[in-house]
Amino acid sequence: MAMKTSACGTAALLAAQSTSASAFAVSGQAQKSANAQYGLRGVPARDSAASTSSGSWVSATAVAATAAVTAAAIPHRQRRAANKLAGATSVAAPSVVPNANMPKLSQAKVIVCAGLGEKLEGRKLRVAVIGGGPAGASAAETLAIGGCETYLIERKLDNCKPCGGAIPLCMVGEFDLPQELIDRRVRKMTMISPTNKEVQIGSTLADDEYIGMVRREVLDSYMRDRAGEKGATLINGLFMGMTLPQTKNGSYVLTYNDLGDAVSGKGTKKTLEVDVVIGADGANSRVAKEIEAGDYEYAIAFQERMRIDDEKMEYYKERAEMYVGDDVSPDFYAWVFPKYDHVAVGTGTVVDKKGIQKYQQGIRDRAEPRIRGGEIIRVEAHPIPEHPRPWRTKDRVTLVGDAAGYVTKCSGEGIYFAAKSGRMCAEEIVEASENGTRMVTQDDLMVYIRKFDSKYGPTYFVLDALQKLFYTSDPARESFVDLCEEKYVQKVTFDSYLYKTVQGNDPIGDLKLLGKTVSSLWENNFGKKREMQTLS
């Protein structure tokens, strides 16, 4: 679920990002060693030239001090362990083998070259990408352009994933997205506290800056079709499982239900032999299950698409709203985001998944003055990962996007990181295989993992800390909204979100923000309780 970085207070923490991926934590735990974290078994590391995030350690100190000072004032909410994610099930042997005329990979010849993957003779490297969202589509496009024989398998070509649909400005240019894909250009963000205190942010944006709002069914379809135009073979099918190689360079035999020629709604079981598998099949990834990548804590996102009258829709023309409070979510936030001709009204939670309907009613009630009379046209729900999986690569199989767990806490942003991880993964495969002419290894795939963690790991760590600090109680949430009034916070947050580059590094600004944070938390925890306001 891609949403704008929710905490304007992120400025202090975003500026504090470490220059090393060693700061990357999973669920508040210190990062394991490379071998334990990624499931390696003595595989040698390969050097990475990845760029690193930079920032001010003053901010880190400020946040740490704030957390210590306010620890006694903020009630602790015990997180319950997440349920196990559903995995793949065993399937019967397929009756149809569509690649009968193609040479078997087990019959192909390879030539050994010292220091490089084995040379493929008479064919290109064959890669299957499972899942056709931004992660899978970006990977497939890059692979096809890079000379690999690429297959993209997606079960639902008209899928409407429940998603806020926000993308940063840099993604539009970086992924060459046409302007007509952008339904709305949000230049105003309204933060609404538990007592309905409203803070308007966006005044620091330049005239040509905005947060793009898209419909996932439109964005995903465009990116998939473009991958097909670049040479990837698109398969409308449901991935069922795979047989692992029996030899060092043996093939993965994928079983899938081909829905492209479905009769009476039933597809045809088929197989596909490939050298490499990329799992881009979302939070309930079957590929992850196949390689025993481990489970992770996940949130449930619930969203209703609602058509409101023209006058109310005009209010949301360039505006998105974010609500916080125990009534709308015990550990996240709720939203009203504008779409093409309607709004998306939703919420999410990790700690109380069974209560999601109660929190959805809460956001309906809180936003009622602005969505009154709205007609619900679609209801959506989906699991959202809360942190990366314990293992993301095994042999010649790797995970990207939601399947890998690349959704940020606090903000719930995932679209950009999904597309970016898919592209980064594919780029490493293309480079290591010398444009599809050589076999790749687990060590080659690990280069992508290390680069991604080095570049974005600190961001995940910071947003996790923010969520723990500001989403724990209503007094903390009131302080969270108070901080959004600071122009310094607004500028650093927007700039960091729009361009995915840490901005700021102003020690004086950080120290001032520390003082504001401490005083606001003290006032909201021990001062006079604020009265509930009425939204206009």
Protein backbone atom coordinates (compact mmCIF):
# COMPACT_ATOMS: atom_id res chain seq x y z
CA MET A 1 0.00 0.00 0.00
CA ALA A 2 1.82 3.08 -1.16
CA MET A 3 1.05 6.20 0.79
CA LYS A 4 2.76 9.48 1.44
CA THR A 5 5.17 9.40 4.37
CA SER A 6 2.69 9.96 7.12
CA ALA A 7 4.69 11.52 9.92
CA CYS A 8 5.66 15.02 9.13
CA GLY A 9 7.71 14.43 12.27
CA THR A 10 9.82 12.10 10.16
CA ALA A 11 12.14 15.00 9.51
CA ALA A 12 14.11 14.49 12.69
CA LEU A 13 14.44 10.77 12.11
CA LEU A 14 14.89 10.81 8.35
CA ALA A 15 17.79 13.18 8.79
CA ALA A 16 19.27 10.68 11.22
CA GLN A 17 19.65 7.81 8.79
CA SER A 18 22.83 5.84 9.16
CA THR A 19 25.52 5.81 6.52
CA SER A 20 25.65 2.05 6.82
CA ALA A 21 23.13 -0.70 6.25
CA SER A 22 24.26 -2.20 9.54
CA ALA A 23 21.67 0.04 11.16
CA PHE A 24 18.89 -1.84 9.35
CA ALA A 25 16.64 -3.51 11.92
CA VAL A 26 13.81 -5.97 11.47
CA SER A 27 10.87 -5.57 13.83
CA GLY A 28 13.04 -3.61 16.22
CA GLN A 29 15.68 -6.36 16.38
CA ALA A 30 19.30 -5.71 15.54
CA GLN A 31 20.24 -6.97 12.09
CA LYS A 32 21.61 -10.47 11.92
CA SER A 33 24.88 -11.23 10.24
CA ALA A 34 24.78 -11.46 6.45
CA ASN A 35 24.86 -15.24 6.48
CA ALA A 36 22.01 -15.60 8.99
CA GLN A 37 19.91 -12.76 7.61
CA TYR A 38 19.83 -13.98 4.05
CA GLY A 39 19.96 -17.72 4.54
CA LEU A 40 23.43 -18.12 3.05
CA ARG A 41 25.42 -21.20 3.75
CA GLY A 42 29.00 -20.03 3.54
CA VAL A 43 28.53 -18.19 0.23
CA PRO A 44 31.33 -15.60 -0.18
CA ALA A 45 30.28 -11.95 -0.27
CA ARG A 46 30.60 -9.88 -3.39
CA ASP A 47 31.58 -6.22 -3.19
CA SER A 48 28.85 -3.67 -3.68
CA ALA A 49 29.21 -0.16 -5.01
CA ALA A 50 25.85 0.80 -3.63
CA SER A 51 25.32 4.40 -2.63
CA THR A 52 24.45 4.97 1.02
CA SER A 53 22.08 7.26 2.79
CA SER A 54 23.49 10.15 4.76
CA GLY A 55 22.17 12.35 7.49
CA SER A 56 22.65 14.00 10.81
CA TRP A 57 23.43 12.00 13.93
CA VAL A 58 22.18 14.98 15.95
CA SER A 59 18.66 13.95 14.93
CA ALA A 60 19.25 10.39 16.04
CA THR A 61 20.31 11.68 19.43
CA ALA A 62 17.29 13.94 19.54
CA VAL A 63 14.89 11.10 18.87
CA ALA A 64 16.61 8.80 21.33
CA ALA A 65 16.45 11.48 24.01
CA THR A 66 12.81 12.16 23.25
CA ALA A 67 11.95 8.49 23.52
CA ALA A 68 13.76 8.20 26.84
CA VAL A 69 12.14 11.30 28.34
CA THR A 70 8.65 10.30 27.30
CA ALA A 71 8.86 6.56 27.88
CA ALA A 72 6.97 6.75 31.15
CA ALA A 73 4.32 8.98 29.62
CA ILE A 74 3.47 6.82 26.64
CA PRO A 75 1.54 3.61 27.38
CA HIS A 76 3.08 0.48 25.95
CA ARG A 77 0.94 -1.59 23.59
CA GLN A 78 1.91 -5.19 23.42
CA ARG A 79 2.00 -6.47 19.86
CA ARG A 80 0.52 -9.87 19.31
CA ALA A 81 2.32 -12.33 17.11
CA ALA A 82 1.09 -12.32 13.54
CA ASN A 83 -0.63 -15.38 12.12
CA LYS A 84 1.22 -17.53 9.68
CA LEU A 85 0.78 -16.46 6.09
CA ALA A 86 -0.97 -18.89 3.77
CA GLY A 87 1.49 -20.72 1.54
CA ALA A 88 1.44 -22.77 -1.60
CA THR A 89 -0.28 -26.10 -1.69
CA SER A 90 0.80 -29.22 -3.53
CA VAL A 91 -0.66 -29.79 -6.97
CA ALA A 92 -1.26 -32.76 -9.18
CA ALA A 93 1.02 -33.46 -12.14
CA PRO A 94 0.08 -31.31 -15.15
CA SER A 95 -1.56 -32.90 -18.13
CA VAL A 96 -0.22 -30.39 -20.64
CA VAL A 97 3.41 -29.41 -21.21
CA PRO A 98 3.39 -26.29 -23.42
CA ASN A 99 7.15 -26.16 -23.98
CA ALA A 100 7.46 -29.55 -25.64
CA ASN A 101 9.14 -28.07 -28.73
CA MET A 102 11.65 -26.09 -26.74
CA PRO A 103 15.02 -27.62 -25.81
CA LYS A 104 15.11 -28.88 -22.24
CA LEU A 105 17.39 -26.82 -20.02
CA SER A 106 18.82 -30.07 -18.68
CA GLN A 107 19.95 -30.84 -22.24
CA ALA A 108 21.58 -27.46 -22.82
CA LYS A 109 25.33 -27.13 -22.83
CA VAL A 110 27.35 -24.81 -20.64
CA ILE A 111 30.98 -23.74 -20.91
CA VAL A 112 32.95 -23.04 -17.72
CA CYS A 113 34.92 -19.76 -17.55
CA ALA A 114 36.98 -18.99 -14.47
CA GLY A 115 35.60 -16.13 -12.37
CA LEU A 116 32.32 -15.95 -14.24
CA GLY A 117 29.06 -17.85 -14.36
CA GLU A 118 29.03 -20.72 -16.79
CA LYS A 119 28.59 -19.77 -20.43
CA LEU A 120 25.24 -20.72 -21.96
CA GLU A 121 25.49 -22.24 -25.40
CA GLY A 122 22.77 -21.81 -28.01
CA ARG A 123 20.27 -20.03 -25.77
CA LYS A 124 19.75 -17.12 -23.38
CA LEU A 125 19.27 -17.17 -19.62
CA ARG A 126 15.64 -18.00 -18.88
CA VAL A 127 14.00 -16.07 -16.04
CA ALA A 128 10.46 -16.42 -14.70
CA VAL A 129 8.95 -13.49 -12.82
CA ILE A 130 5.97 -14.51 -10.70
CA GLY A 131 3.61 -11.59 -10.13
CA GLY A 132 2.76 -8.67 -12.41
CA GLY A 133 2.60 -5.69 -10.06
CA PRO A 134 5.15 -2.83 -10.11
CA ALA A 135 7.91 -5.11 -8.77
CA GLY A 136 7.37 -7.92 -11.25
CA ALA A 137 6.68 -5.67 -14.23
CA SER A 138 9.80 -3.57 -13.59
CA ALA A 139 11.93 -6.69 -13.25
CA ALA A 140 10.51 -8.27 -16.41
CA GLU A 141 11.01 -5.11 -18.47
CA THR A 142 14.63 -4.71 -17.37
CA LEU A 143 15.39 -8.39 -17.97
CA ALA A 144 13.86 -8.35 -21.45
CA ILE A 145 15.74 -5.21 -22.45
CA GLY A 146 18.92 -6.77 -21.04
CA GLY A 147 18.75 -9.81 -23.28
CA CYS A 148 17.29 -12.46 -20.96
CA GLU A 149 14.48 -14.77 -22.06
CA THR A 150 11.78 -13.51 -19.73
CA TYR A 151 8.40 -14.88 -18.64
CA LEU A 152 6.00 -12.80 -16.54
CA ILE A 153 3.22 -14.79 -14.88
CA GLU A 154 0.25 -12.87 -13.42
CA ARG A 155 -2.97 -14.51 -12.33
CA LYS A 156 -5.28 -11.49 -12.42
CA LEU A 157 -4.72 -8.93 -15.15
CA ASP A 158 -7.42 -6.58 -13.86
CA ASN A 159 -6.33 -6.78 -10.22
CA CYS A 160 -7.33 -3.81 -8.02
CA LYS A 161 -5.08 -4.09 -5.00
CA PRO A 162 -6.34 -2.12 -1.95
CA CYS A 163 -3.77 0.62 -1.99
CA GLY A 164 -3.63 4.32 -1.22
CA GLY A 165 -2.07 4.68 -4.66
CA ALA A 166 0.43 7.43 -3.82
CA ILE A 167 3.72 7.56 -5.72
CA PRO A 168 6.62 9.98 -5.23
CA LEU A 169 7.46 12.51 -7.90
CA CYS A 170 10.81 10.87 -8.61
CA MET A 171 9.06 7.65 -9.67
CA VAL A 172 7.28 9.40 -12.53
CA GLY A 173 10.57 10.36 -14.16
CA GLU A 174 12.67 7.42 -13.04
CA PHE A 175 10.22 4.87 -14.44
CA ASP A 176 9.14 7.02 -17.38
CA LEU A 177 5.47 7.01 -16.44
CA PRO A 178 3.14 9.01 -18.71
CA GLN A 179 1.29 11.91 -17.12
CA GLU A 180 -2.10 10.45 -18.04
CA LEU A 181 -1.53 7.66 -15.50
CA ILE A 182 -1.67 10.24 -12.70
CA ASP A 183 -5.30 10.65 -11.61
CA ARG A 184 -4.63 13.42 -9.09
CA ARG A 185 -1.68 15.62 -8.19
CA VAL A 186 -1.79 16.14 -4.45
CA ARG A 187 -0.22 19.38 -3.27
CA LYS A 188 -2.06 19.63 0.05
CA MET A 189 -2.00 17.13 2.87
CA THR A 190 -4.28 17.51 5.87
CA MET A 191 -3.14 15.78 9.06
CA ILE A 192 -6.01 15.21 11.52
CA SER A 193 -5.34 14.39 15.17
CA PRO A 194 -7.47 12.24 17.53
CA THR A 195 -9.32 15.42 18.61
CA ASN A 196 -9.75 16.52 14.98
CA LYS A 197 -7.07 19.19 15.15
CA GLU A 198 -6.21 19.87 11.51
CA VAL A 199 -2.78 20.82 10.23
CA GLN A 200 -2.40 21.80 6.59
CA ILE A 201 0.92 20.94 5.00
CA GLY A 202 2.21 21.44 1.49
CA SER A 203 3.18 25.13 1.47
CA THR A 204 6.84 24.17 1.04
CA LEU A 205 6.18 22.47 -2.31
CA ALA A 206 7.27 24.16 -5.54
CA ASP A 207 4.68 24.73 -8.27
CA ASP A 208 5.82 21.67 -10.21
CA GLU A 209 6.03 19.33 -7.21
CA TYR A 210 3.27 16.94 -6.20
CA ILE A 211 2.42 13.49 -4.89
CA GLY A 212 0.94 11.38 -7.66
CA MET A 213 -2.26 9.44 -7.03
CA VAL A 214 -2.85 6.44 -9.26
CA ARG A 215 -5.22 3.50 -9.54
CA ARG A 216 -3.28 0.29 -9.20
CA GLU A 217 -5.25 -1.49 -11.89
CA VAL A 218 -4.21 1.24 -14.35
CA LEU A 219 -0.57 1.54 -13.26
CA ASP A 220 0.06 -2.19 -13.06
CA SER A 221 -1.52 -2.88 -16.44
CA TYR A 222 0.58 -0.18 -18.10
CA MET A 223 3.83 -1.47 -16.61
CA ARG A 224 3.03 -5.09 -17.55
CA ASP A 225 2.12 -4.19 -21.11
CA ARG A 226 5.32 -2.19 -21.48
CA ALA A 227 7.34 -5.19 -20.29
CA GLY A 228 5.60 -7.24 -22.99
CA GLU A 229 6.45 -4.64 -25.61
CA LYS A 230 10.10 -4.87 -24.60
CA GLY A 231 10.13 -8.60 -25.18
CA ALA A 232 8.85 -10.34 -22.05
CA THR A 233 6.34 -13.16 -22.56
CA LEU A 234 3.19 -12.36 -20.57
CA ILE A 235 1.30 -15.33 -19.17
CA ASN A 236 -2.13 -15.01 -17.59
CA GLY A 237 -1.70 -17.81 -15.10
CA LEU A 238 -1.70 -18.86 -11.47
CA PHE A 239 1.65 -20.09 -10.14
CA MET A 240 1.10 -23.36 -8.27
CA GLY A 241 4.58 -24.48 -7.28
CA MET A 242 7.97 -25.55 -8.57
CA THR A 243 10.40 -28.44 -8.57
CA LEU A 244 13.87 -27.45 -7.41
CA PRO A 245 16.98 -28.29 -9.48
CA GLN A 246 18.64 -31.62 -8.79
CA THR A 247 22.05 -30.48 -10.07
CA LYS A 248 24.15 -27.34 -9.77
CA ASN A 249 22.89 -25.77 -13.00
CA GLY A 250 19.67 -27.71 -13.28
CA SER A 251 16.42 -26.03 -14.19
CA TYR A 252 13.50 -24.99 -12.00
CA VAL A 253 10.32 -26.61 -13.28
CA LEU A 254 7.39 -24.30 -12.60
CA THR A 255 3.81 -25.54 -12.54
CA TYR A 256 1.10 -22.99 -13.25
CA ASN A 257 -2.55 -22.89 -14.17
CA ASP A 258 -2.82 -21.15 -17.54
CA LEU A 259 -5.90 -18.95 -17.44
CA GLY A 260 -5.41 -17.48 -20.87
CA ASP A 261 -7.29 -20.32 -22.53
CA ALA A 262 -9.54 -21.11 -19.59
CA VAL A 263 -12.74 -22.99 -20.34
CA SER A 264 -15.69 -22.46 -17.99
CA GLY A 265 -13.42 -20.55 -15.66
CA LYS A 266 -10.94 -23.42 -15.35
CA GLY A 267 -7.39 -23.07 -16.54
CA THR A 268 -4.98 -25.64 -17.92
CA LYS A 269 -2.06 -26.95 -15.91
CA LYS A 270 1.26 -26.35 -17.64
CA THR A 271 4.96 -26.36 -16.83
CA LEU A 272 7.83 -24.03 -17.61
CA GLU A 273 11.57 -24.66 -17.23
CA VAL A 274 13.74 -21.71 -16.24
CA ASP A 275 17.15 -20.89 -14.77
CA VAL A 276 16.11 -18.15 -12.36
CA VAL A 277 12.89 -17.36 -10.48
CA ILE A 278 11.91 -13.93 -9.13
CA GLY A 279 9.07 -13.94 -6.63
CA ALA A 280 7.05 -10.74 -7.01
CA ASP A 281 3.78 -12.33 -5.94
CA GLY A 282 2.88 -10.19 -2.96
CA ALA A 283 2.54 -10.64 0.79
CA ASN A 284 1.17 -14.19 0.47
CA SER A 285 4.00 -15.17 -1.86
CA ARG A 286 3.97 -18.79 -2.96
CA VAL A 287 7.52 -18.42 -4.20
CA ALA A 288 8.60 -17.41 -0.68
CA LYS A 289 6.85 -20.51 0.65
CA GLU A 290 8.68 -22.70 -1.87
CA ILE A 291 12.11 -21.51 -0.72
CA GLU A 292 11.12 -21.42 2.98
CA ALA A 293 11.85 -17.71 3.20
CA GLY A 294 10.09 -17.46 6.56
CA ASP A 295 7.03 -15.54 7.67
CA TYR A 296 6.78 -11.94 8.77
CA GLU A 297 4.44 -9.76 10.73
CA TYR A 298 1.81 -8.20 8.51
CA ALA A 299 -0.93 -5.61 8.62
CA ILE A 300 -4.43 -5.85 7.21
CA ALA A 301 -5.36 -2.94 4.98
CA PHE A 302 -9.06 -2.33 4.36
CA GLN A 303 -10.34 0.22 1.88
CA GLU A 304 -13.63 1.36 0.38
CA ARG A 305 -13.74 3.24 -2.88
CA MET A 306 -16.48 5.79 -2.57
CA ARG A 307 -18.11 8.12 -5.09
CA ILE A 308 -19.05 11.46 -3.52
CA ASP A 309 -20.84 14.47 -5.00
CA ASP A 310 -18.98 16.99 -7.17
CA GLU A 311 -18.79 19.67 -4.49
CA LYS A 312 -17.14 17.32 -2.01
CA MET A 313 -14.92 15.90 -4.73
CA GLU A 314 -13.69 19.40 -5.51
CA TYR A 315 -12.38 19.65 -1.93
CA TYR A 316 -10.18 16.61 -2.62
CA LYS A 317 -9.00 17.85 -6.03
CA GLU A 318 -5.42 18.35 -4.85
CA ARG A 319 -5.81 17.16 -1.27
CA ALA A 320 -5.35 13.97 0.70
CA GLU A 321 -6.25 13.45 4.36
CA MET A 322 -4.63 11.32 7.03
CA TYR A 323 -6.38 10.60 10.33
CA VAL A 324 -4.80 9.21 13.51
CA GLY A 325 -6.47 8.00 16.69
CA ASP A 326 -7.44 4.83 18.54
CA ASP A 327 -10.86 5.01 16.88
CA VAL A 328 -9.42 4.64 13.37
CA SER A 329 -6.39 2.42 14.08
CA PRO A 330 -4.53 1.28 17.19
CA ASP A 331 -1.13 1.31 15.49
CA PHE A 332 -1.40 2.90 12.04
CA TYR A 333 -3.46 5.65 10.41
CA ALA A 334 -6.57 6.01 8.29
CA TRP A 335 -6.87 7.90 5.04
CA VAL A 336 -9.07 9.61 2.49
CA PHE A 337 -7.13 9.73 -0.78
CA PRO A 338 -8.47 11.13 -4.06
CA LYS A 339 -8.75 8.94 -7.15
CA TYR A 340 -9.90 9.65 -10.70
CA ASP A 341 -13.61 10.26 -9.99
CA HIS A 342 -13.91 8.98 -6.41
CA VAL A 343 -12.05 8.77 -3.11
CA ALA A 344 -10.44 5.85 -1.30
CA VAL A 345 -11.37 5.64 2.39
CA GLY A 346 -9.43 3.10 4.43
CA THR A 347 -7.35 2.05 7.39
CA GLY A 348 -4.94 -0.64 8.51
CA THR A 349 -3.70 -2.44 11.61
CA VAL A 350 -1.23 -5.09 12.73
CA VAL A 351 -2.19 -5.60 16.36
CA ASP A 352 -5.97 -5.99 15.94
CA LYS A 353 -6.67 -7.56 12.57
CA LYS A 354 -10.02 -8.95 13.71
CA GLY A 355 -11.15 -5.43 14.58
CA ILE A 356 -10.52 -3.98 11.11
CA GLN A 357 -14.24 -3.46 10.44
CA LYS A 358 -14.53 -1.45 13.66
CA TYR A 359 -11.69 0.84 12.59
CA GLN A 360 -13.14 1.22 9.10
CA GLN A 361 -16.37 2.38 10.72
CA GLY A 362 -14.25 4.75 12.76
CA ILE A 363 -12.80 6.48 9.70
CA ARG A 364 -16.25 6.63 8.10
CA ASP A 365 -17.53 8.39 11.21
CA ARG A 366 -14.59 10.78 11.54
CA ALA A 367 -14.64 11.78 7.86
CA GLU A 368 -18.45 11.77 7.62
CA PRO A 369 -18.88 15.56 7.12
CA ARG A 370 -16.70 15.33 4.01
CA ILE A 371 -17.88 12.04 2.52
CA ARG A 372 -21.56 12.23 3.56
CA GLY A 373 -23.87 10.59 1.03
CA GLY A 374 -21.02 8.74 -0.64
CA GLU A 375 -21.75 5.59 -2.63
CA ILE A 376 -19.44 2.65 -2.00
CA ILE A 377 -18.41 1.28 -5.39
CA ARG A 378 -15.73 -1.22 -4.34
CA VAL A 379 -14.49 -2.86 -1.12
CA GLU A 380 -10.91 -4.12 -0.91
CA ALA A 381 -8.73 -5.83 1.71
CA HIS A 382 -5.19 -7.16 1.58
CA PRO A 383 -2.26 -8.14 3.84
CA ILE A 384 0.64 -5.68 3.94
CA PRO A 385 4.10 -6.83 5.13
CA GLU A 386 5.59 -5.04 8.12
CA HIS A 387 9.26 -5.90 7.62
CA PRO A 388 11.54 -7.86 5.24
CA ARG A 389 11.42 -11.64 5.36
CA PRO A 390 14.16 -13.49 7.25
CA TRP A 391 15.51 -14.86 3.95
CA ARG A 392 15.03 -13.29 0.54
CA THR A 393 17.37 -15.33 -1.67
CA LYS A 394 18.05 -19.01 -1.99
CA ASP A 395 20.15 -20.46 -4.79
CA ARG A 396 18.75 -18.91 -8.02
CA VAL A 397 15.44 -17.76 -6.51
CA THR A 398 14.97 -14.31 -5.02
CA LEU A 399 12.14 -12.09 -3.79
CA VAL A 400 11.20 -8.48 -4.58
CA GLY A 401 8.44 -6.04 -3.60
CA ASP A 402 5.82 -7.12 -1.06
CA ALA A 403 7.00 -10.73 -1.38
CA ALA A 404 10.33 -9.62 0.10
CA GLY A 405 8.62 -7.38 2.66
CA TYR A 406 9.53 -3.97 1.22
CA VAL A 407 6.76 -1.84 2.72
CA THR A 408 7.72 0.94 5.11
CA LYS A 409 6.27 1.18 8.59
CA CYS A 410 4.64 4.40 9.73
CA SER A 411 3.82 5.42 6.15
CA GLY A 412 2.86 2.11 4.55
CA GLU A 413 4.61 3.08 1.32
CA GLY A 414 5.33 0.20 -1.03
CA ILE A 415 4.83 1.05 -4.73
CA TYR A 416 8.12 2.84 -5.30
CA PHE A 417 10.17 0.35 -3.31
CA ALA A 418 8.50 -2.53 -5.13
CA ALA A 419 9.32 -1.13 -8.56
CA LYS A 420 12.82 -0.16 -7.46
CA SER A 421 13.61 -3.57 -5.98
CA GLY A 422 12.38 -5.31 -9.13
CA ARG A 423 14.57 -3.15 -11.32
CA MET A 424 17.63 -3.44 -9.05
CA CYS A 425 17.27 -7.22 -8.95
CA ALA A 426 16.94 -7.49 -12.73
CA GLU A 427 19.89 -5.17 -13.33
CA GLU A 428 22.14 -7.42 -11.27
CA ILE A 429 20.96 -10.49 -13.18
CA VAL A 430 21.60 -8.80 -16.52
CA GLU A 431 25.06 -7.66 -15.44
CA ALA A 432 26.10 -10.97 -13.88
CA SER A 433 24.81 -12.96 -16.85
CA GLU A 434 26.45 -10.62 -19.36
CA ASN A 435 23.14 -9.86 -21.03
CA GLY A 436 21.72 -13.33 -20.63
CA THR A 437 24.70 -15.28 -21.94
CA ARG A 438 25.89 -16.80 -18.67
CA MET A 439 24.39 -18.66 -15.71
CA VAL A 440 23.95 -16.70 -12.49
CA THR A 441 24.45 -17.83 -8.91
CA GLN A 442 23.06 -17.08 -5.46
CA ASP A 443 26.04 -14.82 -4.88
CA ASP A 444 25.04 -12.73 -7.91
CA LEU A 445 21.51 -12.33 -6.58
CA MET A 446 22.85 -11.36 -3.16
CA VAL A 447 24.45 -8.28 -4.71
CA TYR A 448 20.97 -6.88 -5.29
CA ILE A 449 19.97 -7.63 -1.68
CA ARG A 450 23.03 -5.88 -0.26
CA LYS A 451 22.62 -2.85 -2.50
CA PHE A 452 18.94 -2.47 -1.64
CA ASP A 453 19.59 -2.77 2.09
CA SER A 454 22.48 -0.35 1.93
CA LYS A 455 20.43 2.26 0.10
CA TYR A 456 17.06 1.93 1.83
CA GLY A 457 17.61 -0.07 5.02
CA PRO A 458 18.13 3.01 7.22
CA THR A 459 14.84 4.48 5.97
CA TYR A 460 12.96 1.37 7.09
CA PHE A 461 14.70 1.51 10.45
CA VAL A 462 13.80 5.18 10.98
CA LEU A 463 10.13 4.78 10.04
CA ASP A 464 9.86 1.77 12.32
CA ALA A 465 11.16 3.91 15.19
CA LEU A 466 8.70 6.68 14.31
CA GLN A 467 5.77 4.29 14.39
CA LYS A 468 6.78 3.00 17.80
CA LEU A 469 7.16 6.54 19.15
CA PHE A 470 4.10 8.30 17.73
CA TYR A 471 1.50 5.60 17.06
CA THR A 472 1.32 4.20 20.59
CA SER A 473 -1.35 6.39 22.22
CA ASP A 474 -3.65 9.30 21.44
CA PRO A 475 -1.50 11.81 23.39
CA ALA A 476 1.51 10.75 21.27
CA ARG A 477 -0.60 11.09 18.11
CA GLU A 478 -1.63 14.62 19.13
CA SER A 479 2.07 15.47 19.40
CA PHE A 480 2.68 13.85 16.05
CA VAL A 481 0.19 16.24 14.42
CA ASP A 482 1.59 19.19 16.41
CA LEU A 483 5.02 18.59 14.86
CA CYS A 484 3.50 18.78 11.39
CA GLU A 485 2.98 22.52 11.93
CA GLU A 486 6.73 23.08 11.75
CA LYS A 487 7.86 24.30 8.31
CA TYR A 488 11.22 22.62 8.83
CA VAL A 489 9.48 19.29 9.37
CA GLN A 490 7.24 19.77 6.34
CA LYS A 491 10.09 20.63 3.99
CA VAL A 492 12.42 17.83 5.04
CA THR A 493 9.61 15.27 5.00
CA PHE A 494 8.23 16.24 1.61
CA ASP A 495 11.66 16.50 0.01
CA SER A 496 12.75 13.15 1.41
CA TYR A 497 9.55 11.49 0.23
CA LEU A 498 9.36 13.05 -3.23
CA TYR A 499 12.96 12.34 -4.20
CA LYS A 500 13.87 9.37 -1.98
CA THR A 501 16.99 11.22 -0.89
CA VAL A 502 17.52 12.31 2.68
CA GLN A 503 17.25 16.06 2.93
CA GLY A 504 18.08 18.51 5.68
CA ASN A 505 21.10 17.80 7.91
CA ASP A 506 20.52 20.96 9.94
CA PRO A 507 21.75 20.38 13.53
CA ILE A 508 20.14 23.60 14.80
CA GLY A 509 16.81 22.69 13.20
CA ASP A 510 17.08 19.19 14.67
CA LEU A 511 17.71 20.52 18.19
CA LYS A 512 14.76 22.89 17.92
CA LEU A 513 12.62 19.98 16.80
CA LEU A 514 13.79 17.96 19.79
CA GLY A 515 12.60 20.68 22.12
CA LYS A 516 9.27 20.93 20.32
CA THR A 517 8.83 17.16 20.48
CA VAL A 518 9.56 16.87 24.17
CA SER A 519 7.34 19.81 25.15
CA SER A 520 4.45 18.60 22.98
CA LEU A 521 4.62 15.05 24.33
CA TRP A 522 4.76 16.33 27.91
CA GLU A 523 1.80 18.68 27.38
CA ASN A 524 -0.36 16.06 25.66
CA ASN A 525 0.39 13.38 28.26
CA PHE A 526 0.23 15.46 31.44
CA GLY A 527 -1.47 18.73 30.51
CA LYS A 528 -5.11 19.62 30.09
CA LYS A 529 -6.92 17.23 27.80
CA ARG A 530 -7.91 18.74 24.47
CA GLU A 531 -11.56 18.97 23.53
CA MET A 532 -12.92 17.19 20.48
CA GLN A 533 -13.36 19.49 17.51
CA THR A 534 -15.88 19.21 14.69
CA LEU A 535 -14.73 18.91 11.11
CA SER A 536 -16.21 21.44 8.73
